[in-house]
Amino acid sequence: AVAITWSDNARSCQEKTTHTGIMALQYPNARRSDTVETLHGVEVRDPYRWMEEDSEELTAWIKSQNEISNAYLTTCDLRSQVRKRAKELYDYPKYSCPFRRGKRMCFFKNSGLQNQSV
């Protein structure tokens, strides 16, 4: 069993850290729009509505976010241990509830690490 605590993680990810021991991250700015929608008579602001539609701007923003995440994650020695443990926990057969199709009883099965059940 692998037990991971914040202190273990902080020690293993010390590159690019500040004097507080926390990694200094420069997140990309997310544009805020003036989108306001009225729902049941209540005005609801949705400044990030633009992120719900595919666009070149959104693709660039996601790429910037991923660069930050990957730069941090590649410095963590525990990443492979967490990935291994998650795989151990998730790798087991899964079955859906049975259902009827015509005269047959059917179910979906996932052997463990398949992308989807079949």
PDB file of N, CA and C in Angstrom:
ATOM      1  N   ALA A   1       0.839  -1.186   0.000  1.00  0.00           N
ATOM      2  CA  ALA A   1       0.000   0.000   0.000  1.00  0.00           C
ATOM      3  C   ALA A   1       0.877   1.240   0.000  1.00  0.00           C
ATOM      4  N   VAL A   2       0.412   2.251  -0.710  1.00  0.00           N
ATOM      5  CA  VAL A   2       1.142   3.513  -0.781  1.00  0.00           C
ATOM      6  C   VAL A   2       0.324   4.570  -0.072  1.00  0.00           C
ATOM      7  N   ALA A   3       0.894   5.166   0.944  1.00  0.00           N
ATOM      8  CA  ALA A   3       0.230   6.262   1.638  1.00  0.00           C
ATOM      9  C   ALA A   3       0.931   7.548   1.234  1.00  0.00           C
ATOM     10  N   ILE A   4       0.189   8.496   0.717  1.00  0.00           N
ATOM     11  CA  ILE A   4       0.772   9.752   0.253  1.00  0.00           C
ATOM     12  C   ILE A   4       0.196  10.891   1.069  1.00  0.00           C
ATOM     13  N   THR A   5       1.064  11.662   1.645  1.00  0.00           N
ATOM     14  CA  THR A   5       0.618  12.815   2.420  1.00  0.00           C
ATOM     15  C   THR A   5       1.098  14.071   1.732  1.00  0.00           C
ATOM     16  N   TRP A   6       0.507  15.203   2.080  1.00  0.00           N
ATOM     17  CA  TRP A   6       0.920  16.474   1.496  1.00  0.00           C
ATOM     18  C   TRP A   6       2.395  16.742   1.749  1.00  0.00           C
ATOM     19  N   SER A   7       2.907  16.422   2.950  1.00  0.00           N
ATOM     20  CA  SER A   7       4.305  16.697   3.255  1.00  0.00           C
ATOM     21  C   SER A   7       5.219  15.865   2.363  1.00  0.00           C
ATOM     22  N   ASP A   8       4.843  14.606   2.076  1.00  0.00           N
ATOM     23  CA  ASP A   8       5.633  13.797   1.150  1.00  0.00           C
ATOM     24  C   ASP A   8       5.641  14.428  -0.230  1.00  0.00           C
ATOM     25  N   ASN A   9       4.457  14.854  -0.668  1.00  0.00           N
ATOM     26  CA  ASN A   9       4.323  15.450  -1.986  1.00  0.00           C
ATOM     27  C   ASN A   9       5.120  16.744  -2.080  1.00  0.00           C
ATOM     28  N   ALA A  10       5.067  17.563  -1.059  1.00  0.00           N
ATOM     29  CA  ALA A  10       5.781  18.834  -1.077  1.00  0.00           C
ATOM     30  C   ALA A  10       7.285  18.607  -1.161  1.00  0.00           C
ATOM     31  N   ARG A  11       7.794  17.606  -0.457  1.00  0.00           N
ATOM     32  CA  ARG A  11       9.235  17.330  -0.506  1.00  0.00           C
ATOM     33  C   ARG A  11       9.655  16.812  -1.867  1.00  0.00           C
ATOM     34  N   SER A  12       8.800  16.042  -2.528  1.00  0.00           N
ATOM     35  CA  SER A  12       9.192  15.435  -3.791  1.00  0.00           C
ATOM     36  C   SER A  12       9.017  16.374  -4.981  1.00  0.00           C
ATOM     37  N   CYS A  13       8.412  17.507  -4.782  1.00  0.00           N
ATOM     38  CA  CYS A  13       8.142  18.439  -5.881  1.00  0.00           C
ATOM     39  C   CYS A  13       8.772  19.793  -5.579  1.00  0.00           C
ATOM     40  N   GLN A  14      10.036  19.822  -5.243  1.00  0.00           N
ATOM     41  CA  GLN A  14      10.636  21.049  -4.750  1.00  0.00           C
ATOM     42  C   GLN A  14      11.206  21.959  -5.822  1.00  0.00           C
ATOM     43  N   GLU A  15      11.325  21.479  -7.054  1.00  0.00           N
ATOM     44  CA  GLU A  15      11.835  22.363  -8.090  1.00  0.00           C
ATOM     45  C   GLU A  15      10.868  23.521  -8.298  1.00  0.00           C
ATOM     46  N   LYS A  16      11.405  24.657  -8.645  1.00  0.00           N
ATOM     47  CA  LYS A  16      10.594  25.845  -8.956  1.00  0.00           C
ATOM     48  C   LYS A  16       9.698  26.255  -7.791  1.00  0.00           C
ATOM     49  N   THR A  17      10.156  26.145  -6.581  1.00  0.00           N
ATOM     50  CA  THR A  17       9.333  26.537  -5.450  1.00  0.00           C
ATOM     51  C   THR A  17       9.750  27.903  -4.937  1.00  0.00           C
ATOM     52  N   THR A  18       8.866  28.541  -4.221  1.00  0.00           N
ATOM     53  CA  THR A  18       9.143  29.825  -3.607  1.00  0.00           C
ATOM     54  C   THR A  18       9.716  29.584  -2.221  1.00  0.00           C
ATOM     55  N   HIS A  19       9.995  30.649  -1.501  1.00  0.00           N
ATOM     56  CA  HIS A  19      10.520  30.514  -0.147  1.00  0.00           C
ATOM     57  C   HIS A  19       9.529  29.839   0.802  1.00  0.00           C
ATOM     58  N   THR A  20       8.250  29.793   0.411  1.00  0.00           N
ATOM     59  CA  THR A  20       7.248  29.139   1.268  1.00  0.00           C
ATOM     60  C   THR A  20       7.184  27.645   0.997  1.00  0.00           C
ATOM     61  N   GLY A  21       7.929  27.169  -0.001  1.00  0.00           N
ATOM     62  CA  GLY A  21       7.898  25.751  -0.330  1.00  0.00           C
ATOM     63  C   GLY A  21       6.784  25.389  -1.284  1.00  0.00           C
ATOM     64  N   ILE A  22       6.036  26.359  -1.757  1.00  0.00           N
ATOM     65  CA  ILE A  22       4.948  26.110  -2.695  1.00  0.00           C
ATOM     66  C   ILE A  22       5.414  26.537  -4.080  1.00  0.00           C
ATOM     67  N   MET A  23       5.148  25.704  -5.057  1.00  0.00           N
ATOM     68  CA  MET A  23       5.577  25.989  -6.421  1.00  0.00           C
ATOM     69  C   MET A  23       4.929  27.270  -6.923  1.00  0.00           C
ATOM     70  N   ALA A  24       5.742  28.169  -7.477  1.00  0.00           N
ATOM     71  CA  ALA A  24       5.230  29.427  -8.024  1.00  0.00           C
ATOM     72  C   ALA A  24       4.669  29.154  -9.418  1.00  0.00           C
ATOM     73  N   LEU A  25       3.374  29.348  -9.591  1.00  0.00           N
ATOM     74  CA  LEU A  25       2.720  29.083 -10.870  1.00  0.00           C
ATOM     75  C   LEU A  25       2.196  30.376 -11.466  1.00  0.00           C
ATOM     76  N   GLN A  26       2.382  30.531 -12.755  1.00  0.00           N
ATOM     77  CA  GLN A  26       1.869  31.694 -13.470  1.00  0.00           C
ATOM     78  C   GLN A  26       0.727  31.221 -14.373  1.00  0.00           C
ATOM     79  N   TYR A  27      -0.483  31.304 -13.852  1.00  0.00           N
ATOM     80  CA  TYR A  27      -1.642  30.850 -14.616  1.00  0.00           C
ATOM     81  C   TYR A  27      -1.967  31.827 -15.734  1.00  0.00           C
ATOM     82  N   PRO A  28      -2.447  31.319 -16.864  1.00  0.00           N
ATOM     83  CA  PRO A  28      -2.863  32.215 -17.946  1.00  0.00           C
ATOM     84  C   PRO A  28      -4.138  32.952 -17.547  1.00  0.00           C
ATOM     85  N   ASN A  29      -4.269  34.164 -18.010  1.00  0.00           N
ATOM     86  CA  ASN A  29      -5.474  34.929 -17.720  1.00  0.00           C
ATOM     87  C   ASN A  29      -6.646  34.336 -18.487  1.00  0.00           C
ATOM     88  N   ALA A  30      -7.762  34.232 -17.822  1.00  0.00           N
ATOM     89  CA  ALA A  30      -8.988  33.778 -18.462  1.00  0.00           C
ATOM     90  C   ALA A  30      -9.862  35.012 -18.689  1.00  0.00           C
ATOM     91  N   ARG A  31     -10.139  35.271 -19.940  1.00  0.00           N
ATOM     92  CA  ARG A  31     -10.955  36.432 -20.282  1.00  0.00           C
ATOM     93  C   ARG A  31     -12.321  36.329 -19.611  1.00  0.00           C
ATOM     94  N   ARG A  32     -12.812  37.439 -19.126  1.00  0.00           N
ATOM     95  CA  ARG A  32     -14.152  37.500 -18.530  1.00  0.00           C
ATOM     96  C   ARG A  32     -15.026  38.341 -19.459  1.00  0.00           C
ATOM     97  N   SER A  33     -16.173  37.787 -19.801  1.00  0.00           N
ATOM     98  CA  SER A  33     -17.092  38.516 -20.669  1.00  0.00           C
ATOM     99  C   SER A  33     -18.193  39.155 -19.830  1.00  0.00           C
ATOM    100  N   ASP A  34     -19.017  39.970 -20.482  1.00  0.00           N
ATOM    101  CA  ASP A  34     -20.118  40.646 -19.795  1.00  0.00           C
ATOM    102  C   ASP A  34     -21.441  39.892 -19.969  1.00  0.00           C
ATOM    103  N   THR A  35     -21.376  38.600 -20.225  1.00  0.00           N
ATOM    104  CA  THR A  35     -22.573  37.809 -20.474  1.00  0.00           C
ATOM    105  C   THR A  35     -23.467  37.767 -19.234  1.00  0.00           C
ATOM    106  N   VAL A  36     -24.728  38.131 -19.446  1.00  0.00           N
ATOM    107  CA  VAL A  36     -25.728  38.074 -18.378  1.00  0.00           C
ATOM    108  C   VAL A  36     -26.960  37.407 -18.967  1.00  0.00           C
ATOM    109  N   GLU A  37     -27.510  36.452 -18.240  1.00  0.00           N
ATOM    110  CA  GLU A  37     -28.695  35.743 -18.687  1.00  0.00           C
ATOM    111  C   GLU A  37     -29.759  35.891 -17.607  1.00  0.00           C
ATOM    112  N   THR A  38     -31.017  36.054 -18.012  1.00  0.00           N
ATOM    113  CA  THR A  38     -32.106  36.160 -17.045  1.00  0.00           C
ATOM    114  C   THR A  38     -32.801  34.814 -16.949  1.00  0.00           C
ATOM    115  N   LEU A  39     -32.749  34.220 -15.743  1.00  0.00           N
ATOM    116  CA  LEU A  39     -33.383  32.928 -15.500  1.00  0.00           C
ATOM    117  C   LEU A  39     -34.442  33.098 -14.420  1.00  0.00           C
ATOM    118  N   HIS A  40     -35.684  32.878 -14.777  1.00  0.00           N
ATOM    119  CA  HIS A  40     -36.802  32.999 -13.838  1.00  0.00           C
ATOM    120  C   HIS A  40     -36.812  34.376 -13.172  1.00  0.00           C
ATOM    121  N   GLY A  41     -36.509  35.388 -13.971  1.00  0.00           N
ATOM    122  CA  GLY A  41     -36.553  36.749 -13.470  1.00  0.00           C
ATOM    123  C   GLY A  41     -35.305  37.180 -12.709  1.00  0.00           C
ATOM    124  N   VAL A  42     -34.302  36.330 -12.629  1.00  0.00           N
ATOM    125  CA  VAL A  42     -33.074  36.657 -11.905  1.00  0.00           C
ATOM    126  C   VAL A  42     -31.932  36.776 -12.905  1.00  0.00           C
ATOM    127  N   GLU A  43     -31.209  37.890 -12.844  1.00  0.00           N
ATOM    128  CA  GLU A  43     -30.046  38.056 -13.717  1.00  0.00           C
ATOM    129  C   GLU A  43     -28.878  37.240 -13.185  1.00  0.00           C
ATOM    130  N   VAL A  44     -28.327  36.396 -14.067  1.00  0.00           N
ATOM    131  CA  VAL A  44     -27.208  35.539 -13.692  1.00  0.00           C
ATOM    132  C   VAL A  44     -26.031  35.866 -14.597  1.00  0.00           C
ATOM    133  N   ARG A  45     -24.953  36.317 -14.000  1.00  0.00           N
ATOM    134  CA  ARG A  45     -23.751  36.625 -14.763  1.00  0.00           C
ATOM    135  C   ARG A  45     -23.010  35.326 -15.067  1.00  0.00           C
ATOM    136  N   ASP A  46     -22.473  35.246 -16.280  1.00  0.00           N
ATOM    137  CA  ASP A  46     -21.726  34.057 -16.698  1.00  0.00           C
ATOM    138  C   ASP A  46     -20.493  34.529 -17.474  1.00  0.00           C
ATOM    139  N   PRO A  47     -19.483  35.045 -16.757  1.00  0.00           N
ATOM    140  CA  PRO A  47     -18.326  35.645 -17.430  1.00  0.00           C
ATOM    141  C   PRO A  47     -17.477  34.642 -18.204  1.00  0.00           C
ATOM    142  N   TYR A  48     -17.627  33.352 -17.932  1.00  0.00           N
ATOM    143  CA  TYR A  48     -16.821  32.348 -18.623  1.00  0.00           C
ATOM    144  C   TYR A  48     -17.638  31.526 -19.617  1.00  0.00           C
ATOM    145  N   ARG A  49     -18.769  32.043 -20.043  1.00  0.00           N
ATOM    146  CA  ARG A  49     -19.611  31.339 -21.016  1.00  0.00           C
ATOM    147  C   ARG A  49     -18.840  31.041 -22.294  1.00  0.00           C
ATOM    148  N   TRP A  50     -17.910  31.911 -22.666  1.00  0.00           N
ATOM    149  CA  TRP A  50     -17.140  31.703 -23.890  1.00  0.00           C
ATOM    150  C   TRP A  50     -16.367  30.385 -23.857  1.00  0.00           C
ATOM    151  N   MET A  51     -16.125  29.843 -22.663  1.00  0.00           N
ATOM    152  CA  MET A  51     -15.381  28.586 -22.552  1.00  0.00           C
ATOM    153  C   MET A  51     -16.246  27.366 -22.877  1.00  0.00           C
ATOM    154  N   GLU A  52     -17.527  27.567 -23.072  1.00  0.00           N
ATOM    155  CA  GLU A  52     -18.413  26.453 -23.383  1.00  0.00           C
ATOM    156  C   GLU A  52     -18.441  26.123 -24.872  1.00  0.00           C
ATOM    157  N   GLU A  53     -17.865  26.967 -25.686  1.00  0.00           N
ATOM    158  CA  GLU A  53     -17.843  26.752 -27.131  1.00  0.00           C
ATOM    159  C   GLU A  53     -16.399  26.570 -27.590  1.00  0.00           C
ATOM    160  N   ASP A  54     -16.175  25.616 -28.499  1.00  0.00           N
ATOM    161  CA  ASP A  54     -14.830  25.427 -29.047  1.00  0.00           C
ATOM    162  C   ASP A  54     -14.413  26.660 -29.838  1.00  0.00           C
ATOM    163  N   SER A  55     -13.199  27.121 -29.584  1.00  0.00           N
ATOM    164  CA  SER A  55     -12.663  28.254 -30.323  1.00  0.00           C
ATOM    165  C   SER A  55     -11.144  28.196 -30.259  1.00  0.00           C
ATOM    166  N   GLU A  56     -10.487  28.954 -31.109  1.00  0.00           N
ATOM    167  CA  GLU A  56      -9.025  29.015 -31.076  1.00  0.00           C
ATOM    168  C   GLU A  56      -8.559  29.605 -29.752  1.00  0.00           C
ATOM    169  N   GLU A  57      -9.290  30.589 -29.244  1.00  0.00           N
ATOM    170  CA  GLU A  57      -8.938  31.208 -27.960  1.00  0.00           C
ATOM    171  C   GLU A  57      -8.991  30.185 -26.825  1.00  0.00           C
ATOM    172  N   LEU A  58     -10.052  29.379 -26.793  1.00  0.00           N
ATOM    173  CA  LEU A  58     -10.190  28.364 -25.754  1.00  0.00           C
ATOM    174  C   LEU A  58      -9.104  27.299 -25.886  1.00  0.00           C
ATOM    175  N   THR A  59      -8.811  26.875 -27.104  1.00  0.00           N
ATOM    176  CA  THR A  59      -7.756  25.879 -27.331  1.00  0.00           C
ATOM    177  C   THR A  59      -6.415  26.391 -26.824  1.00  0.00           C
ATOM    178  N   ALA A  60      -6.108  27.657 -27.085  1.00  0.00           N
ATOM    179  CA  ALA A  60      -4.848  28.250 -26.621  1.00  0.00           C
ATOM    180  C   ALA A  60      -4.823  28.335 -25.098  1.00  0.00           C
ATOM    181  N   TRP A  61      -5.953  28.693 -24.488  1.00  0.00           N
ATOM    182  CA  TRP A  61      -6.029  28.795 -23.032  1.00  0.00           C
ATOM    183  C   TRP A  61      -5.818  27.425 -22.387  1.00  0.00           C
ATOM    184  N   ILE A  62      -6.465  26.392 -22.938  1.00  0.00           N
ATOM    185  CA  ILE A  62      -6.311  25.036 -22.418  1.00  0.00           C
ATOM    186  C   ILE A  62      -4.866  24.571 -22.555  1.00  0.00           C
ATOM    187  N   LYS A  63      -4.255  24.876 -23.682  1.00  0.00           N
ATOM    188  CA  LYS A  63      -2.850  24.503 -23.895  1.00  0.00           C
ATOM    189  C   LYS A  63      -1.963  25.148 -22.833  1.00  0.00           C
ATOM    190  N   SER A  64      -2.211  26.412 -22.525  1.00  0.00           N
ATOM    191  CA  SER A  64      -1.435  27.109 -21.492  1.00  0.00           C
ATOM    192  C   SER A  64      -1.638  26.472 -20.126  1.00  0.00           C
ATOM    193  N   GLN A  65      -2.887  26.118 -19.798  1.00  0.00           N
ATOM    194  CA  GLN A  65      -3.174  25.452 -18.531  1.00  0.00           C
ATOM    195  C   GLN A  65      -2.451  24.113 -18.445  1.00  0.00           C
ATOM    196  N   ASN A  66      -2.476  23.355 -19.535  1.00  0.00           N
ATOM    197  CA  ASN A  66      -1.819  22.052 -19.555  1.00  0.00           C
ATOM    198  C   ASN A  66      -0.309  22.178 -19.399  1.00  0.00           C
ATOM    199  N   GLU A  67       0.277  23.197 -19.981  1.00  0.00           N
ATOM    200  CA  GLU A  67       1.717  23.401 -19.831  1.00  0.00           C
ATOM    201  C   GLU A  67       2.086  23.625 -18.371  1.00  0.00           C
ATOM    202  N   ILE A  68       1.278  24.395 -17.663  1.00  0.00           N
ATOM    203  CA  ILE A  68       1.522  24.644 -16.241  1.00  0.00           C
ATOM    204  C   ILE A  68       1.377  23.342 -15.451  1.00  0.00           C
ATOM    205  N   SER A  69       0.293  22.619 -15.697  1.00  0.00           N
ATOM    206  CA  SER A  69       0.051  21.365 -14.975  1.00  0.00           C
ATOM    207  C   SER A  69       1.173  20.365 -15.222  1.00  0.00           C
ATOM    208  N   ASN A  70       1.541  20.198 -16.484  1.00  0.00           N
ATOM    209  CA  ASN A  70       2.571  19.213 -16.813  1.00  0.00           C
ATOM    210  C   ASN A  70       3.930  19.599 -16.257  1.00  0.00           C
ATOM    211  N   ALA A  71       4.245  20.895 -16.246  1.00  0.00           N
ATOM    212  CA  ALA A  71       5.515  21.337 -15.666  1.00  0.00           C
ATOM    213  C   ALA A  71       5.579  20.977 -14.188  1.00  0.00           C
ATOM    214  N   TYR A  72       4.475  21.119 -13.484  1.00  0.00           N
ATOM    215  CA  TYR A  72       4.436  20.754 -12.068  1.00  0.00           C
ATOM    216  C   TYR A  72       4.487  19.246 -11.885  1.00  0.00           C
ATOM    217  N   LEU A  73       3.651  18.535 -12.636  1.00  0.00           N
ATOM    218  CA  LEU A  73       3.541  17.093 -12.450  1.00  0.00           C
ATOM    219  C   LEU A  73       4.829  16.355 -12.797  1.00  0.00           C
ATOM    220  N   THR A  74       5.593  16.857 -13.742  1.00  0.00           N
ATOM    221  CA  THR A  74       6.841  16.180 -14.090  1.00  0.00           C
ATOM    222  C   THR A  74       7.887  16.307 -12.996  1.00  0.00           C
ATOM    223  N   THR A  75       7.716  17.226 -12.058  1.00  0.00           N
ATOM    224  CA  THR A  75       8.668  17.369 -10.953  1.00  0.00           C
ATOM    225  C   THR A  75       8.296  16.508  -9.766  1.00  0.00           C
ATOM    226  N   CYS A  76       7.145  15.871  -9.793  1.00  0.00           N
ATOM    227  CA  CYS A  76       6.668  15.072  -8.656  1.00  0.00           C
ATOM    228  C   CYS A  76       7.112  13.619  -8.784  1.00  0.00           C
ATOM    229  N   ASP A  77       7.934  13.204  -7.851  1.00  0.00           N
ATOM    230  CA  ASP A  77       8.393  11.822  -7.833  1.00  0.00           C
ATOM    231  C   ASP A  77       7.261  10.858  -7.523  1.00  0.00           C
ATOM    232  N   LEU A  78       6.246  11.327  -6.843  1.00  0.00           N
ATOM    233  CA  LEU A  78       5.149  10.456  -6.435  1.00  0.00           C
ATOM    234  C   LEU A  78       4.129  10.207  -7.539  1.00  0.00           C
ATOM    235  N   ARG A  79       4.232  10.902  -8.652  1.00  0.00           N
ATOM    236  CA  ARG A  79       3.244  10.772  -9.720  1.00  0.00           C
ATOM    237  C   ARG A  79       3.113   9.330 -10.192  1.00  0.00           C
ATOM    238  N   SER A  80       4.228   8.655 -10.398  1.00  0.00           N
ATOM    239  CA  SER A  80       4.167   7.272 -10.876  1.00  0.00           C
ATOM    240  C   SER A  80       3.554   6.358  -9.825  1.00  0.00           C
ATOM    241  N   GLN A  81       3.809   6.632  -8.545  1.00  0.00           N
ATOM    242  CA  GLN A  81       3.220   5.817  -7.480  1.00  0.00           C
ATOM    243  C   GLN A  81       1.711   6.021  -7.422  1.00  0.00           C
ATOM    244  N   VAL A  82       1.269   7.250  -7.581  1.00  0.00           N
ATOM    245  CA  VAL A  82      -0.168   7.534  -7.566  1.00  0.00           C
ATOM    246  C   VAL A  82      -0.833   6.877  -8.770  1.00  0.00           C
ATOM    247  N   ARG A  83      -0.217   6.994  -9.949  1.00  0.00           N
ATOM    248  CA  ARG A  83      -0.769   6.382 -11.157  1.00  0.00           C
ATOM    249  C   ARG A  83      -0.867   4.864 -10.982  1.00  0.00           C
ATOM    250  N   LYS A  84       0.195   4.246 -10.439  1.00  0.00           N
ATOM    251  CA  LYS A  84       0.203   2.797 -10.237  1.00  0.00           C
ATOM    252  C   LYS A  84      -0.909   2.383  -9.274  1.00  0.00           C
ATOM    253  N   ARG A  85      -1.065   3.104  -8.177  1.00  0.00           N
ATOM    254  CA  ARG A  85      -2.085   2.760  -7.176  1.00  0.00           C
ATOM    255  C   ARG A  85      -3.491   2.966  -7.743  1.00  0.00           C
ATOM    256  N   ALA A  86      -3.702   4.042  -8.487  1.00  0.00           N
ATOM    257  CA  ALA A  86      -5.017   4.284  -9.096  1.00  0.00           C
ATOM    258  C   ALA A  86      -5.359   3.160 -10.069  1.00  0.00           C
ATOM    259  N   LYS A  87      -4.356   2.719 -10.829  1.00  0.00           N
ATOM    260  CA  LYS A  87      -4.579   1.614 -11.764  1.00  0.00           C
ATOM    261  C   LYS A  87      -4.934   0.338 -11.008  1.00  0.00           C
ATOM    262  N   GLU A  88      -4.240   0.061  -9.900  1.00  0.00           N
ATOM    263  CA  GLU A  88      -4.552  -1.116  -9.092  1.00  0.00           C
ATOM    264  C   GLU A  88      -5.988  -1.068  -8.578  1.00  0.00           C
ATOM    265  N   LEU A  89      -6.425   0.105  -8.148  1.00  0.00           N
ATOM    266  CA  LEU A  89      -7.766   0.243  -7.588  1.00  0.00           C
ATOM    267  C   LEU A  89      -8.856   0.164  -8.648  1.00  0.00           C
ATOM    268  N   TYR A  90      -8.554   0.596  -9.872  1.00  0.00           N
ATOM    269  CA  TYR A  90      -9.577   0.671 -10.903  1.00  0.00           C
ATOM    270  C   TYR A  90      -9.603  -0.560 -11.799  1.00  0.00           C
ATOM    271  N   ASP A  91      -8.579  -1.398 -11.744  1.00  0.00           N
ATOM    272  CA  ASP A  91      -8.465  -2.546 -12.641  1.00  0.00           C
ATOM    273  C   ASP A  91      -9.181  -3.760 -12.055  1.00  0.00           C
ATOM    274  N   TYR A  92     -10.486  -3.786 -12.222  1.00  0.00           N
ATOM    275  CA  TYR A  92     -11.292  -4.933 -11.809  1.00  0.00           C
ATOM    276  C   TYR A  92     -12.497  -5.014 -12.740  1.00  0.00           C
ATOM    277  N   PRO A  93     -13.053  -6.191 -12.940  1.00  0.00           N
ATOM    278  CA  PRO A  93     -14.199  -6.324 -13.853  1.00  0.00           C
ATOM    279  C   PRO A  93     -15.420  -5.574 -13.336  1.00  0.00           C
ATOM    280  N   LYS A  94     -16.117  -4.925 -14.261  1.00  0.00           N
ATOM    281  CA  LYS A  94     -17.330  -4.183 -13.918  1.00  0.00           C
ATOM    282  C   LYS A  94     -18.459  -4.645 -14.834  1.00  0.00           C
ATOM    283  N   TYR A  95     -19.642  -4.795 -14.275  1.00  0.00           N
ATOM    284  CA  TYR A  95     -20.804  -5.251 -15.028  1.00  0.00           C
ATOM    285  C   TYR A  95     -21.960  -4.284 -14.816  1.00  0.00           C
ATOM    286  N   SER A  96     -22.716  -4.040 -15.882  1.00  0.00           N
ATOM    287  CA  SER A  96     -23.912  -3.200 -15.743  1.00  0.00           C
ATOM    288  C   SER A  96     -25.056  -4.042 -15.206  1.00  0.00           C
ATOM    289  N   CYS A  97     -26.146  -3.376 -14.869  1.00  0.00           N
ATOM    290  CA  CYS A  97     -27.356  -4.100 -14.504  1.00  0.00           C
ATOM    291  C   CYS A  97     -27.879  -4.794 -15.755  1.00  0.00           C
ATOM    292  N   PRO A  98     -28.380  -5.998 -15.621  1.00  0.00           N
ATOM    293  CA  PRO A  98     -28.932  -6.676 -16.794  1.00  0.00           C
ATOM    294  C   PRO A  98     -30.169  -5.945 -17.311  1.00  0.00           C
ATOM    295  N   PHE A  99     -30.362  -6.045 -18.627  1.00  0.00           N
ATOM    296  CA  PHE A  99     -31.525  -5.419 -19.253  1.00  0.00           C
ATOM    297  C   PHE A  99     -32.015  -6.327 -20.376  1.00  0.00           C
ATOM    298  N   ARG A 100     -33.272  -6.162 -20.749  1.00  0.00           N
ATOM    299  CA  ARG A 100     -33.879  -7.023 -21.756  1.00  0.00           C
ATOM    300  C   ARG A 100     -33.831  -6.321 -23.120  1.00  0.00           C
ATOM    301  N   ARG A 101     -33.409  -7.089 -24.125  1.00  0.00           N
ATOM    302  CA  ARG A 101     -33.463  -6.662 -25.527  1.00  0.00           C
ATOM    303  C   ARG A 101     -34.213  -7.747 -26.283  1.00  0.00           C
ATOM    304  N   GLY A 102     -35.454  -7.481 -26.572  1.00  0.00           N
ATOM    305  CA  GLY A 102     -36.269  -8.516 -27.201  1.00  0.00           C
ATOM    306  C   GLY A 102     -36.461  -9.669 -26.237  1.00  0.00           C
ATOM    307  N   LYS A 103     -36.098 -10.877 -26.682  1.00  0.00           N
ATOM    308  CA  LYS A 103     -36.230 -12.064 -25.831  1.00  0.00           C
ATOM    309  C   LYS A 103     -34.949 -12.369 -25.065  1.00  0.00           C
ATOM    310  N   ARG A 104     -33.929 -11.545 -25.234  1.00  0.00           N
ATOM    311  CA  ARG A 104     -32.632 -11.819 -24.604  1.00  0.00           C
ATOM    312  C   ARG A 104     -32.378 -10.903 -23.406  1.00  0.00           C
ATOM    313  N   MET A 105     -31.651 -11.436 -22.446  1.00  0.00           N
ATOM    314  CA  MET A 105     -31.166 -10.632 -21.320  1.00  0.00           C
ATOM    315  C   MET A 105     -29.720 -10.254 -21.649  1.00  0.00           C
ATOM    316  N   CYS A 106     -29.378  -8.991 -21.488  1.00  0.00           N
ATOM    317  CA  CYS A 106     -28.049  -8.505 -21.850  1.00  0.00           C
ATOM    318  C   CYS A 106     -27.437  -7.720 -20.690  1.00  0.00           C
ATOM    319  N   PHE A 107     -26.145  -7.481 -20.778  1.00  0.00           N
ATOM    320  CA  PHE A 107     -25.449  -6.621 -19.825  1.00  0.00           C
ATOM    321  C   PHE A 107     -24.185  -6.112 -20.493  1.00  0.00           C
ATOM    322  N   PHE A 108     -23.628  -5.056 -19.967  1.00  0.00           N
ATOM    323  CA  PHE A 108     -22.355  -4.535 -20.443  1.00  0.00           C
ATOM    324  C   PHE A 108     -21.269  -4.973 -19.479  1.00  0.00           C
ATOM    325  N   LYS A 109     -20.079  -5.219 -20.017  1.00  0.00           N
ATOM    326  CA  LYS A 109     -18.957  -5.654 -19.200  1.00  0.00           C
ATOM    327  C   LYS A 109     -17.722  -4.835 -19.559  1.00  0.00           C
ATOM    328  N   ASN A 110     -16.945  -4.492 -18.543  1.00  0.00           N
ATOM    329  CA  ASN A 110     -15.640  -3.877 -18.733  1.00  0.00           C
ATOM    330  C   ASN A 110     -14.663  -4.721 -17.949  1.00  0.00           C
ATOM    331  N   SER A 111     -13.646  -5.250 -18.617  1.00  0.00           N
ATOM    332  CA  SER A 111     -12.719  -6.184 -17.970  1.00  0.00           C
ATOM    333  C   SER A 111     -11.815  -5.496 -16.955  1.00  0.00           C
ATOM    334  N   GLY A 112     -11.795  -4.192 -16.951  1.00  0.00           N
ATOM    335  CA  GLY A 112     -10.990  -3.466 -15.958  1.00  0.00           C
ATOM    336  C   GLY A 112     -10.517  -2.135 -16.478  1.00  0.00           C
ATOM    337  N   LEU A 113      -9.654  -2.147 -17.476  1.00  0.00           N
ATOM    338  CA  LEU A 113      -9.059  -0.900 -17.956  1.00  0.00           C
ATOM    339  C   LEU A 113      -9.490  -0.564 -19.373  1.00  0.00           C
ATOM    340  N   GLN A 114     -10.578  -1.165 -19.847  1.00  0.00           N
ATOM    341  CA  GLN A 114     -11.089  -0.802 -21.159  1.00  0.00           C
ATOM    342  C   GLN A 114     -11.614   0.619 -21.130  1.00  0.00           C
ATOM    343  N   ASN A 115     -11.547   1.318 -22.268  1.00  0.00           N
ATOM    344  CA  ASN A 115     -12.045   2.692 -22.330  1.00  0.00           C
ATOM    345  C   ASN A 115     -13.545   2.761 -22.097  1.00  0.00           C
ATOM    346  N   GLN A 116     -14.291   1.765 -22.557  1.00  0.00           N
ATOM    347  CA  GLN A 116     -15.717   1.725 -22.328  1.00  0.00           C
ATOM    348  C   GLN A 116     -16.163   0.284 -22.224  1.00  0.00           C
ATOM    349  N   SER A 117     -17.324   0.096 -21.649  1.00  0.00           N
ATOM    350  CA  SER A 117     -17.869  -1.259 -21.513  1.00  0.00           C
ATOM    351  C   SER A 117     -18.396  -1.741 -22.845  1.00  0.00           C
ATOM    352  N   VAL A 118     -18.377  -3.055 -23.035  1.00  0.00           N
ATOM    353  CA  VAL A 118     -18.906  -3.660 -24.262  1.00  0.00           C
ATOM    354  C   VAL A 118     -19.877  -4.763 -23.906  1.00  0.00           C
TER     355      VAL A 118
END
